[in-house]
């Protein structure tokens, strides 16, 4: 009975269609199951998608952290010593929790080197700030263009003309 039933539905004319359909279904099932297995958190990551490591790139495979851009002029640089200490503590916390892009006005290379040295001495790179995310521009219009291109979730700005 079973061979007769198979011969009715499975013949030389439709055999290639059935075989290729079965192969496609097997591959689809394989890719579906493998994509579900890769969406589970890897070791060293919390179930919420975050990372236990302090670097910015450690948890990117599971979930990217929110992007924050910070203008260093008027928030961290060029303020009084007491305000700079409080701002540095907040900046270091931001570096450890978010993808931080630091922007600064630097008309010459010596100013860029000085700003990088200040960030190094305060421990920003150890807290999670990546060196390639420290960006410099020579005008405030350039900084506003960089912020528009980045499209961060939050931008912290000390100059009103850029914030507008």
Protein backbone atom coordinates (compact mmCIF):
# COMPACT_ATOMS: atom_id res chain seq x y z
CA UNK A 1 0.00 0.00 0.00
CA UNK A 2 2.72 2.49 0.97
CA UNK A 3 4.79 1.95 -2.19
CA UNK A 4 1.69 2.46 -4.32
CA UNK A 5 0.84 5.67 -2.47
CA UNK A 6 4.40 7.00 -2.94
CA UNK A 7 4.39 6.11 -6.63
CA UNK A 8 1.22 8.12 -7.12
CA UNK A 9 2.76 11.30 -5.68
CA UNK A 10 6.42 10.69 -6.50
CA UNK A 11 7.24 10.07 -10.17
CA UNK A 12 10.00 11.00 -12.65
CA UNK A 13 8.26 14.21 -13.68
CA UNK A 14 7.93 15.83 -10.20
CA UNK A 15 10.83 14.12 -8.41
CA UNK A 16 13.32 17.01 -8.94
CA UNK A 17 10.82 19.51 -7.54
CA UNK A 18 10.23 17.44 -4.44
CA UNK A 19 13.93 16.76 -3.85
CA UNK A 20 14.95 20.43 -4.21
CA UNK A 21 12.06 21.54 -2.00
CA UNK A 22 13.18 19.14 0.72
CA UNK A 23 16.79 20.38 0.40
CA UNK A 24 15.66 24.02 0.64
CA UNK A 25 13.57 23.23 3.72
CA UNK A 26 16.52 21.49 5.39
CA UNK A 27 18.79 24.49 4.74
CA UNK A 28 16.15 26.94 5.93
CA UNK A 29 15.69 24.94 9.13
CA UNK A 30 19.47 24.81 9.64
CA UNK A 31 19.90 28.59 9.21
CA UNK A 32 16.88 29.33 11.39
CA UNK A 33 18.21 27.16 14.23
CA UNK A 34 21.76 28.51 13.92
CA UNK A 35 20.58 32.15 14.02
CA UNK A 36 18.56 31.48 17.17
CA UNK A 37 21.60 29.95 18.87
CA UNK A 38 23.79 32.98 18.09
CA UNK A 39 21.28 35.43 19.60
CA UNK A 40 21.90 34.04 23.10
CA UNK A 41 24.35 36.11 25.21
CA UNK A 42 27.95 35.00 25.05
CA UNK A 43 29.97 34.31 28.15
CA UNK A 44 31.04 37.50 29.90
CA UNK A 45 27.86 39.31 28.94
CA UNK A 46 24.81 39.97 31.03
CA UNK A 47 21.41 38.69 29.85
CA UNK A 48 20.31 42.26 29.08
CA UNK A 49 22.90 42.43 26.29
CA UNK A 50 25.40 44.54 28.21
CA UNK A 51 28.93 43.57 28.93
CA UNK A 52 30.86 42.95 32.10
CA UNK A 53 34.01 44.30 30.47
CA UNK A 54 34.85 47.97 30.65
CA UNK A 55 35.74 48.46 26.99
CA UNK A 56 33.25 49.86 24.53
CA UNK A 57 33.54 47.10 21.92
CA UNK A 58 33.09 44.05 24.14
CA UNK A 59 29.28 43.89 23.96
CA UNK A 60 28.75 44.99 20.37
CA UNK A 61 27.93 41.52 19.08
CA UNK A 62 24.88 41.14 21.32
CA UNK A 63 23.69 44.75 21.59
CA UNK A 64 25.27 48.12 20.91
CA UNK A 65 25.41 50.61 23.71
CA UNK A 66 23.73 54.00 23.31
CA UNK A 67 25.81 56.68 21.64
CA UNK A 68 26.60 59.93 23.48
CA UNK A 69 28.61 62.81 22.09
CA UNK A 70 30.25 65.28 24.45
CA UNK A 71 31.72 68.65 23.58
CA UNK A 72 34.83 68.99 25.71
CA UNK A 73 34.95 72.79 25.36
CA UNK A 74 32.85 74.39 28.06
CA UNK A 75 31.99 71.11 29.74
CA UNK A 76 35.33 69.50 30.63
CA UNK A 77 37.93 71.92 29.31
CA UNK A 78 38.05 75.65 30.01
CA UNK A 79 36.07 75.57 33.27
CA UNK A 80 37.09 76.17 36.90
CA UNK A 81 39.05 73.47 38.75
CA UNK A 82 36.13 72.48 41.00
CA UNK A 83 33.71 72.24 38.08
CA UNK A 84 36.30 70.33 36.04
CA UNK A 85 36.70 67.71 38.80
CA UNK A 86 32.95 67.15 39.01
CA UNK A 87 32.64 67.08 35.21
CA UNK A 88 35.53 64.62 34.95
CA UNK A 89 33.80 62.18 37.31
CA UNK A 90 30.61 62.34 35.25
CA UNK A 91 32.57 62.03 32.00
CA UNK A 92 34.38 58.91 33.25
CA UNK A 93 31.04 57.36 34.24
CA UNK A 94 29.68 58.12 30.77
CA UNK A 95 32.75 56.50 29.20
CA UNK A 96 32.18 53.30 31.13
CA UNK A 97 28.44 53.12 30.40
CA UNK A 98 27.98 54.45 26.86
CA UNK A 99 29.71 54.77 23.50
CA UNK A 100 31.17 58.25 24.01
CA UNK A 101 32.37 60.47 21.17
CA UNK A 102 34.40 63.40 22.49
CA UNK A 103 34.54 66.53 20.33
CA UNK A 104 36.87 69.48 20.87
CA UNK A 105 37.88 72.68 19.11
CA UNK A 106 41.55 72.46 18.16
CA UNK A 107 42.90 74.95 15.63
CA UNK A 108 46.38 73.34 15.61
CA UNK A 109 48.01 69.96 16.15
CA UNK A 110 49.61 71.04 19.44
CA UNK A 111 46.14 71.68 20.90
CA UNK A 112 45.01 68.21 19.79
CA UNK A 113 48.00 66.64 21.52
CA UNK A 114 47.31 68.64 24.70
CA UNK A 115 43.65 67.57 24.79
CA UNK A 116 44.63 63.93 24.25
CA UNK A 117 47.15 64.22 27.09
CA UNK A 118 44.50 65.68 29.42
CA UNK A 119 42.11 62.83 28.58
CA UNK A 120 44.89 60.31 29.18
CA UNK A 121 45.84 61.83 32.53
CA UNK A 122 42.25 61.83 33.79
CA UNK A 123 41.91 58.13 32.88
CA UNK A 124 39.26 58.48 30.18
CA UNK A 125 40.86 55.87 27.93
CA UNK A 126 41.07 53.42 30.82
CA UNK A 127 37.39 54.06 31.61
CA UNK A 128 36.29 53.01 28.12
CA UNK A 129 36.77 55.99 25.79
CA UNK A 130 38.28 54.84 22.52
CA UNK A 131 41.08 56.94 21.04
CA UNK A 132 39.50 56.95 17.59
CA UNK A 133 36.34 58.47 19.07
CA UNK A 134 38.12 61.65 20.13
CA UNK A 135 37.47 64.09 17.27
CA UNK A 136 38.76 67.58 16.64
CA UNK A 137 37.51 70.45 14.52
CA UNK A 138 38.64 74.02 13.99
CA UNK A 139 35.22 75.74 14.02
CA UNK A 140 31.97 75.39 15.93
CA UNK A 141 30.14 74.89 12.61
CA UNK A 142 32.37 71.88 11.98
CA UNK A 143 31.47 70.48 15.36
CA UNK A 144 27.74 70.88 14.70
CA UNK A 145 28.20 69.06 11.37
CA UNK A 146 30.02 66.22 13.12
CA UNK A 147 27.20 65.89 15.66
CA UNK A 148 24.61 65.79 12.88
CA UNK A 149 26.57 63.03 11.11
CA UNK A 150 26.99 60.98 14.29
CA UNK A 151 23.30 61.22 15.21
CA UNK A 152 23.92 60.39 18.88
CA UNK A 153 21.14 59.62 21.33
CA UNK A 154 22.33 62.55 23.49
CA UNK A 155 24.74 65.40 22.81
CA UNK A 156 26.21 67.42 25.70
CA UNK A 157 27.22 70.89 24.56
CA UNK A 158 28.64 73.93 26.33
CA UNK A 159 28.22 76.43 23.50
CA UNK A 160 24.73 77.70 22.66
CA UNK A 161 25.50 78.34 18.97
CA UNK A 162 26.30 74.66 18.39
CA UNK A 163 23.34 73.42 20.40
CA UNK A 164 20.94 75.33 18.17
